[in-house]
């Protein structure tokens, strides 16, 4: 799709009954040119029939980071300040990319908006998306910056001990870049934003997207603070205890303080709050109140991708209209599948796998 075709497509998507003359006036081109571009869009399969009926349903949009992950894990007990014999694996990662991958595996049409370099790592990300059916057409490919890299070390129990993140390329996802994408994004039923984005971009999207329901993954304690001034614009958020503490300003030391955190976040305007507590389970809170649900006991192999799987499962539950308890159960099930996998993205992640586990 050319840039001009994309402009016309987005106008048609916003108003399928718009006339060619109106499009010509908005884009300051001739009506004949509009007709040619529309004919090309029909030939390419983007639209079909009269009234410019779109050829596909609106996907879930995920906006955030895409990395190449380098994981190290010792064969035995991790020794600090020493060289540890072990294994080193390279895989694709990034919170946004991981969530999109999991959403896709849960059988939902998925669009990923991210930034990658014009390098072999960026090609890995794009090839994987193409092979799995994730739409990256709206993503940035930069010739000026390298694809993000995330290097982390797990201990002998699969828990992350330390990590270094090189994600300077996300600066390419600026408010200016998103201006031309607002109409397209706003047609998604749900849009997930990971807080790796620049603070100004998070604020811009939160303040300008009107129709899509925004879902937030704060990523970390530090990055969670980026969203405090636009928190009420989000339909739902998933936070761990430390991220929740950063947002509400008090410690989560017992059930009463966790409930109070849920109440505070809902009072800020968030309609559905998920506070994850690792092996202690999940606290869910919405406008009707809240409840705790225990985690599923399992052997933790790799905890890195559990949160991303949880967020993707939230979207699945929202889309399918699951009741609150069924929704939380499904989210816990998906994160458990991820915890039990050697890989950040569980290769067996599917609706069937999750349902078999929780049943």
Protein backbone atom coordinates (compact mmCIF):
# COMPACT_ATOMS: atom_id res chain seq x y z
CA UNK A 1 0.00 0.00 0.00
CA UNK A 2 1.46 3.37 -1.01
CA UNK A 3 1.35 6.40 1.29
CA UNK A 4 -1.43 8.01 -0.77
CA UNK A 5 -3.40 4.76 -0.84
CA UNK A 6 -3.06 4.58 2.94
CA UNK A 7 -4.43 8.11 3.32
CA UNK A 8 -7.43 7.26 1.16
CA UNK A 9 -7.93 3.93 2.91
CA UNK A 10 -8.05 5.61 6.32
CA UNK A 11 -10.62 8.14 5.09
CA UNK A 12 -12.75 5.30 3.72
CA UNK A 13 -12.33 3.36 6.96
CA UNK A 14 -13.53 6.34 8.99
CA UNK A 15 -16.47 6.97 6.63
CA UNK A 16 -17.20 4.16 4.12
CA UNK A 17 -19.85 6.30 2.39
CA UNK A 18 -17.55 9.27 1.70
CA UNK A 19 -17.60 10.41 -1.93
CA UNK A 20 -14.59 10.52 -4.21
CA UNK A 21 -15.08 14.28 -4.56
CA UNK A 22 -14.93 14.69 -0.78
CA UNK A 23 -11.74 12.63 -0.63
CA UNK A 24 -10.23 14.71 -3.42
CA UNK A 25 -11.04 17.90 -1.52
CA UNK A 26 -9.56 16.64 1.74
CA UNK A 27 -6.33 15.46 0.13
CA UNK A 28 -6.12 18.29 -2.42
CA UNK A 29 -5.87 15.97 -5.42
CA UNK A 30 -8.13 15.37 -8.42
CA UNK A 31 -11.20 13.12 -8.27
CA UNK A 32 -9.71 11.10 -11.16
CA UNK A 33 -6.62 10.37 -9.05
CA UNK A 34 -8.83 9.25 -6.17
CA UNK A 35 -10.65 6.83 -8.49
CA UNK A 36 -7.34 5.33 -9.66
CA UNK A 37 -6.10 4.85 -6.09
CA UNK A 38 -9.38 3.25 -5.02
CA UNK A 39 -9.20 0.91 -8.00
CA UNK A 40 -5.70 -0.11 -6.88
CA UNK A 41 -6.94 -0.72 -3.32
CA UNK A 42 -9.67 -2.99 -4.68
CA UNK A 43 -7.14 -4.90 -6.84
CA UNK A 44 -4.83 -5.34 -3.84
CA UNK A 45 -7.70 -6.71 -1.75
CA UNK A 46 -7.81 -3.97 0.89
CA UNK A 47 -11.40 -3.03 0.06
CA UNK A 48 -14.11 -4.76 -1.88
CA UNK A 49 -17.48 -3.96 -3.40
CA UNK A 50 -19.58 -0.82 -3.36
CA UNK A 51 -19.63 1.32 -0.28
CA UNK A 52 -15.95 0.48 0.15
CA UNK A 53 -16.53 -2.50 2.45
CA UNK A 54 -13.33 -3.35 4.29
CA UNK A 55 -11.86 -6.76 3.58
CA UNK A 56 -11.02 -7.63 7.17
CA UNK A 57 -12.22 -7.20 10.71
CA UNK A 58 -10.49 -4.64 12.90
CA UNK A 59 -7.50 -6.15 14.71
CA UNK A 60 -6.34 -5.72 18.27
CA UNK A 61 -3.61 -3.06 18.23
CA UNK A 62 -0.53 -3.40 20.42
CA UNK A 63 1.88 -0.45 20.65
CA UNK A 64 5.27 -0.90 22.28
CA UNK A 65 8.76 -2.32 22.19
CA UNK A 66 10.19 -5.13 20.08
CA UNK A 67 13.54 -6.52 21.16
CA UNK A 68 16.03 -9.23 20.51
CA UNK A 69 16.40 -10.94 23.90
CA UNK A 70 19.67 -12.47 25.09
CA UNK A 71 19.05 -14.79 28.04
CA UNK A 72 21.66 -16.33 30.28
CA UNK A 73 21.03 -18.97 32.96
CA UNK A 74 23.52 -20.90 35.11
CA UNK A 75 23.54 -24.70 35.27
CA UNK A 76 23.60 -24.57 39.07
CA UNK A 77 23.25 -21.93 41.76
CA UNK A 78 23.92 -18.43 40.42
CA UNK A 79 27.19 -16.99 41.75
CA UNK A 80 27.31 -13.20 41.79
CA UNK A 81 30.47 -11.38 40.68
CA UNK A 82 31.71 -14.56 39.02
CA UNK A 83 31.56 -16.44 35.73
CA UNK A 84 28.78 -19.04 35.75
CA UNK A 85 28.77 -22.06 33.43
CA UNK A 86 25.34 -22.20 31.83
CA UNK A 87 23.35 -21.58 28.69
CA UNK A 88 22.83 -18.46 26.56
CA UNK A 89 19.83 -18.20 24.24
CA UNK A 90 18.75 -15.53 21.76
CA UNK A 91 15.06 -14.98 21.01
CA UNK A 92 12.59 -12.27 20.08
CA UNK A 93 11.10 -10.21 22.88
CA UNK A 94 9.91 -6.78 23.94
CA UNK A 95 6.75 -6.25 26.00
CA UNK A 96 4.66 -4.97 23.09
CA UNK A 97 5.92 -7.63 20.68
CA UNK A 98 5.42 -10.39 23.27
CA UNK A 99 1.87 -9.29 24.03
CA UNK A 100 1.08 -9.14 20.29
CA UNK A 101 2.54 -12.62 19.81
CA UNK A 102 0.39 -14.02 22.62
CA UNK A 103 -2.74 -12.20 21.39
CA UNK A 104 -2.13 -13.75 17.98
CA UNK A 105 -1.71 -17.23 19.50
CA UNK A 106 -5.05 -16.74 21.27
CA UNK A 107 -6.64 -16.57 17.81
CA UNK A 108 -7.25 -12.83 17.54
CA UNK A 109 -6.29 -10.62 14.57
CA UNK A 110 -3.30 -8.62 15.75
CA UNK A 111 -1.53 -5.42 14.70
CA UNK A 112 1.84 -4.46 16.22
CA UNK A 113 3.09 -0.88 16.05
CA UNK A 114 6.73 -0.76 17.07
CA UNK A 115 10.12 0.49 15.90
CA UNK A 116 12.94 -1.67 14.56
CA UNK A 117 16.27 -0.91 12.94
CA UNK A 118 17.21 -1.53 9.35
CA UNK A 119 19.42 -4.41 10.52
CA UNK A 120 19.38 -8.19 10.78
CA UNK A 121 17.65 -8.04 14.17
CA UNK A 122 14.89 -5.85 12.76
CA UNK A 123 14.52 -8.27 9.88
CA UNK A 124 14.11 -11.10 12.41
CA UNK A 125 11.24 -9.24 14.06
CA UNK A 126 9.50 -8.50 10.75
CA UNK A 127 10.00 -11.99 9.34
CA UNK A 128 8.54 -13.53 12.49
CA UNK A 129 5.51 -11.22 12.32
CA UNK A 130 4.93 -12.02 8.66
CA UNK A 131 5.26 -15.77 9.26
CA UNK A 132 2.83 -15.74 12.19
CA UNK A 133 0.28 -13.34 10.69
CA UNK A 134 0.93 -10.26 12.85
CA UNK A 135 0.40 -7.00 10.93
CA UNK A 136 3.43 -4.67 11.26
CA UNK A 137 2.57 -2.38 8.36
CA UNK A 138 2.26 0.69 10.62
CA UNK A 139 5.60 0.11 12.36
CA UNK A 140 8.76 2.22 11.96
CA UNK A 141 11.93 0.91 10.31
CA UNK A 142 14.80 3.22 11.21
CA UNK A 143 18.11 3.47 9.38
CA UNK A 144 19.47 5.69 12.16
CA UNK A 145 19.07 3.44 15.22
CA UNK A 146 19.59 -0.23 16.01
CA UNK A 147 16.84 -2.67 16.95
CA UNK A 148 16.28 -2.83 20.70
CA UNK A 149 18.25 -5.44 22.63
CA UNK A 150 17.35 -6.82 26.06
CA UNK A 151 19.94 -8.84 27.96
CA UNK A 152 18.96 -10.64 31.16
CA UNK A 153 20.14 -13.31 33.59
CA UNK A 154 17.93 -15.90 35.26
CA UNK A 155 18.78 -17.70 38.47
CA UNK A 156 18.61 -21.46 38.94
CA UNK A 157 14.85 -21.18 39.61
CA UNK A 158 14.06 -19.30 36.40
CA UNK A 159 13.57 -15.94 38.12
CA UNK A 160 15.16 -12.85 36.57
CA UNK A 161 18.08 -11.49 38.61
CA UNK A 162 19.33 -8.59 36.50
CA UNK A 163 18.76 -7.12 33.04
CA UNK A 164 20.06 -4.39 30.75
CA UNK A 165 17.73 -2.80 28.21
CA UNK A 166 18.94 -0.89 25.12
CA UNK A 167 15.70 0.62 23.76
CA UNK A 168 16.66 4.04 22.42
CA UNK A 169 14.86 3.34 19.15
CA UNK A 170 11.42 3.73 20.80
CA UNK A 171 12.00 7.49 20.52
CA UNK A 172 11.00 7.01 16.88
CA UNK A 173 7.45 6.36 18.12
CA UNK A 174 6.81 10.05 18.71
CA UNK A 175 3.52 11.97 18.97
CA UNK A 176 4.22 13.34 15.49
CA UNK A 177 4.46 9.81 14.12
CA UNK A 178 1.17 8.79 15.70
CA UNK A 179 -0.78 11.76 14.33
CA UNK A 180 -1.32 10.07 10.97
CA UNK A 181 -2.27 6.76 12.58
CA UNK A 182 -5.00 7.89 15.00
CA UNK A 183 -7.97 7.03 12.78
CA UNK A 184 -6.60 3.57 12.06
CA UNK A 185 -5.80 2.79 15.70
CA UNK A 186 -9.10 4.16 16.95
CA UNK A 187 -11.02 1.53 14.98
CA UNK A 188 -9.45 -1.28 17.03
CA UNK A 189 -11.74 -2.66 19.74
CA UNK A 190 -8.79 -2.67 22.16
CA UNK A 191 -5.38 -1.02 22.04
CA UNK A 192 -2.61 -2.17 24.37
CA UNK A 193 0.10 0.35 25.22
CA UNK A 194 3.32 -0.67 26.92
CA UNK A 195 5.08 2.02 28.92
CA UNK A 196 8.35 1.63 27.03
CA UNK A 197 6.91 4.36 24.78
CA UNK A 198 8.08 7.94 25.34
CA UNK A 199 5.99 9.68 28.00
CA UNK A 200 4.81 12.31 25.51
CA UNK A 201 3.60 9.59 23.13
CA UNK A 202 1.66 7.79 25.86
CA UNK A 203 -0.02 11.08 26.78
CA UNK A 204 -0.76 11.89 23.12
CA UNK A 205 -2.37 8.51 22.46
CA UNK A 206 -4.31 8.57 25.73
CA UNK A 207 -5.67 12.04 25.05
CA UNK A 208 -6.47 11.65 21.34
CA UNK A 209 -7.78 8.10 20.94
CA UNK A 210 -11.51 8.24 21.58
CA UNK A 211 -13.19 4.97 20.52
CA UNK A 212 -10.73 2.15 21.15
CA UNK A 213 -10.50 0.87 24.73
CA UNK A 214 -6.99 1.46 26.06
CA UNK A 215 -5.19 -1.21 28.07
CA UNK A 216 -1.93 -0.42 29.89
CA UNK A 217 1.06 -2.58 30.75
CA UNK A 218 3.32 -0.34 32.89
CA UNK A 219 6.41 -2.59 32.29
CA UNK A 220 8.33 -1.47 35.41
CA UNK A 221 8.14 0.70 38.53
CA UNK A 222 10.01 3.58 36.90
CA UNK A 223 8.04 3.47 33.66
CA UNK A 224 4.71 3.19 35.50
CA UNK A 225 5.22 6.77 36.68
CA UNK A 226 4.98 7.98 33.07
CA UNK A 227 1.24 7.33 33.00
CA UNK A 228 0.09 8.86 36.29
CA UNK A 229 -1.26 12.05 34.70
CA UNK A 230 -3.32 10.14 32.09
CA UNK A 231 -4.21 7.07 34.13
CA UNK A 232 -7.92 7.76 33.97
CA UNK A 233 -7.90 7.46 30.19
CA UNK A 234 -7.22 3.72 30.39
CA UNK A 235 -10.02 1.18 30.36
CA UNK A 236 -7.88 -1.43 32.09
CA UNK A 237 -4.42 -1.88 33.56
CA UNK A 238 -2.33 -4.85 34.69
CA UNK A 239 0.20 -4.05 37.41
CA UNK A 240 2.30 -6.06 39.83
CA UNK A 241 2.46 -5.02 43.48
CA UNK A 242 5.50 -2.78 43.08
CA UNK A 243 4.04 -1.02 40.04
CA UNK A 244 0.76 -0.54 41.89
CA UNK A 245 2.63 0.98 44.84
CA UNK A 246 4.29 3.47 42.48
CA UNK A 247 0.90 4.50 41.07
CA UNK A 248 -1.10 4.77 44.31
CA UNK A 249 1.64 6.05 46.62
CA UNK A 250 1.40 3.51 49.44
CA UNK A 251 2.82 0.08 50.28
CA UNK A 252 0.83 -3.07 49.48
CA UNK A 253 1.60 -5.07 52.59
CA UNK A 254 -1.65 -6.94 53.20
CA UNK A 255 -5.05 -7.63 51.65
CA UNK A 256 -6.56 -4.41 52.97
CA UNK A 257 -3.85 -2.28 51.34
CA UNK A 258 -4.21 -4.20 48.06
CA UNK A 259 -7.97 -3.64 48.06
CA UNK A 260 -7.35 0.05 48.80
CA UNK A 261 -5.00 0.21 45.79
CA UNK A 262 -7.70 -1.27 43.56
CA UNK A 263 -10.20 1.26 44.85
CA UNK A 264 -7.78 4.13 44.25
CA UNK A 265 -7.06 3.09 40.66
CA UNK A 266 -10.77 2.71 39.87
CA UNK A 267 -11.43 6.10 41.46
CA UNK A 268 -8.82 7.53 39.06
CA UNK A 269 -11.00 6.35 36.18
CA UNK A 270 -9.64 2.90 35.33
CA UNK A 271 -12.61 0.55 34.91
CA UNK A 272 -10.84 -2.80 35.35
CA UNK A 273 -7.73 -3.32 37.48
CA UNK A 274 -5.59 -6.45 37.71
CA UNK A 275 -2.91 -6.58 40.43
CA UNK A 276 -0.66 -9.60 39.98
CA UNK A 277 1.11 -11.01 43.04
CA UNK A 278 3.20 -13.88 41.69
CA UNK A 279 2.69 -17.09 43.61
CA UNK A 280 0.08 -15.29 45.80
CA UNK A 281 -2.31 -14.95 42.87
CA UNK A 282 -4.24 -11.99 41.48
CA UNK A 283 -6.48 -9.25 42.84
CA UNK A 284 -9.16 -7.98 40.45
CA UNK A 285 -11.14 -4.77 41.02
CA UNK A 286 -13.77 -2.98 38.95
CA UNK A 287 -16.70 -0.63 39.50
CA UNK A 288 -18.63 -3.38 41.33
CA UNK A 289 -15.85 -4.30 43.76
CA UNK A 290 -13.00 -6.78 43.88
CA UNK A 291 -11.84 -10.29 44.73
CA UNK A 292 -8.67 -12.36 45.16
CA UNK A 293 -7.90 -15.50 43.15
CA UNK A 294 -5.12 -17.95 43.95
CA UNK A 295 -2.37 -18.78 41.49
CA UNK A 296 -2.10 -22.21 39.89
CA UNK A 297 0.80 -24.13 41.40
CA UNK A 298 3.43 -25.07 38.82
CA UNK A 299 7.13 -25.60 38.33
CA UNK A 300 8.49 -22.23 37.22
CA UNK A 301 10.80 -22.71 34.25
CA UNK A 302 10.96 -19.11 32.97
CA UNK A 303 9.06 -16.24 34.58
CA UNK A 304 10.00 -13.65 31.93
CA UNK A 305 6.94 -13.95 29.69
CA UNK A 306 4.20 -14.57 32.25
CA UNK A 307 3.07 -10.95 32.51
CA UNK A 308 2.85 -10.53 28.74
CA UNK A 309 0.75 -13.70 28.45
CA UNK A 310 -1.51 -12.39 31.24
CA UNK A 311 -2.13 -9.10 29.40
CA UNK A 312 -2.93 -10.91 26.15
CA UNK A 313 -5.37 -13.15 28.02
CA UNK A 314 -7.10 -10.05 29.40
CA UNK A 315 -7.80 -8.94 25.83
CA UNK A 316 -9.16 -12.38 24.95
CA UNK A 317 -11.47 -12.29 27.97
CA UNK A 318 -12.69 -8.79 27.15
CA UNK A 319 -13.37 -9.74 23.52
CA UNK A 320 -15.26 -12.90 24.50
CA UNK A 321 -17.27 -11.17 27.23
CA UNK A 322 -16.12 -13.53 30.00
CA UNK A 323 -17.53 -12.83 33.43
CA UNK A 324 -15.09 -11.45 36.00
CA UNK A 325 -14.08 -14.74 37.62
CA UNK A 326 -13.78 -16.60 34.32
CA UNK A 327 -11.70 -13.71 32.98
CA UNK A 328 -9.25 -13.82 35.88
CA UNK A 329 -9.06 -17.62 35.72
CA UNK A 330 -8.21 -17.46 32.02
CA UNK A 331 -5.50 -14.84 32.65
CA UNK A 332 -3.95 -16.94 35.41
CA UNK A 333 -4.10 -19.98 33.15
CA UNK A 334 -2.29 -18.18 30.32
CA UNK A 335 0.43 -16.88 32.62
CA UNK A 336 0.87 -20.39 34.05
CA UNK A 337 1.37 -21.80 30.55
CA UNK A 338 4.09 -19.17 30.06
CA UNK A 339 5.72 -19.90 33.42
CA UNK A 340 5.99 -23.57 32.50
CA UNK A 341 7.74 -22.90 29.18
CA UNK A 342 11.45 -22.67 28.45
CA UNK A 343 10.74 -19.84 26.02
CA UNK A 344 9.49 -16.33 26.75
CA UNK A 345 6.61 -17.04 24.37
CA UNK A 346 5.20 -20.49 25.09
CA UNK A 347 5.05 -22.38 21.80
CA UNK A 348 1.97 -24.26 23.04
CA UNK A 349 0.07 -21.07 23.97
CA UNK A 350 -3.50 -21.36 22.68
CA UNK A 351 -7.05 -21.00 23.91
CA UNK A 352 -7.34 -24.79 24.05
CA UNK A 353 -4.16 -25.18 26.12
CA UNK A 354 -5.26 -22.54 28.61
CA UNK A 355 -8.79 -23.94 28.92
CA UNK A 356 -7.47 -27.48 29.46
CA UNK A 357 -5.21 -26.20 32.23
CA UNK A 358 -7.83 -24.24 34.15
CA UNK A 359 -10.43 -26.98 33.78
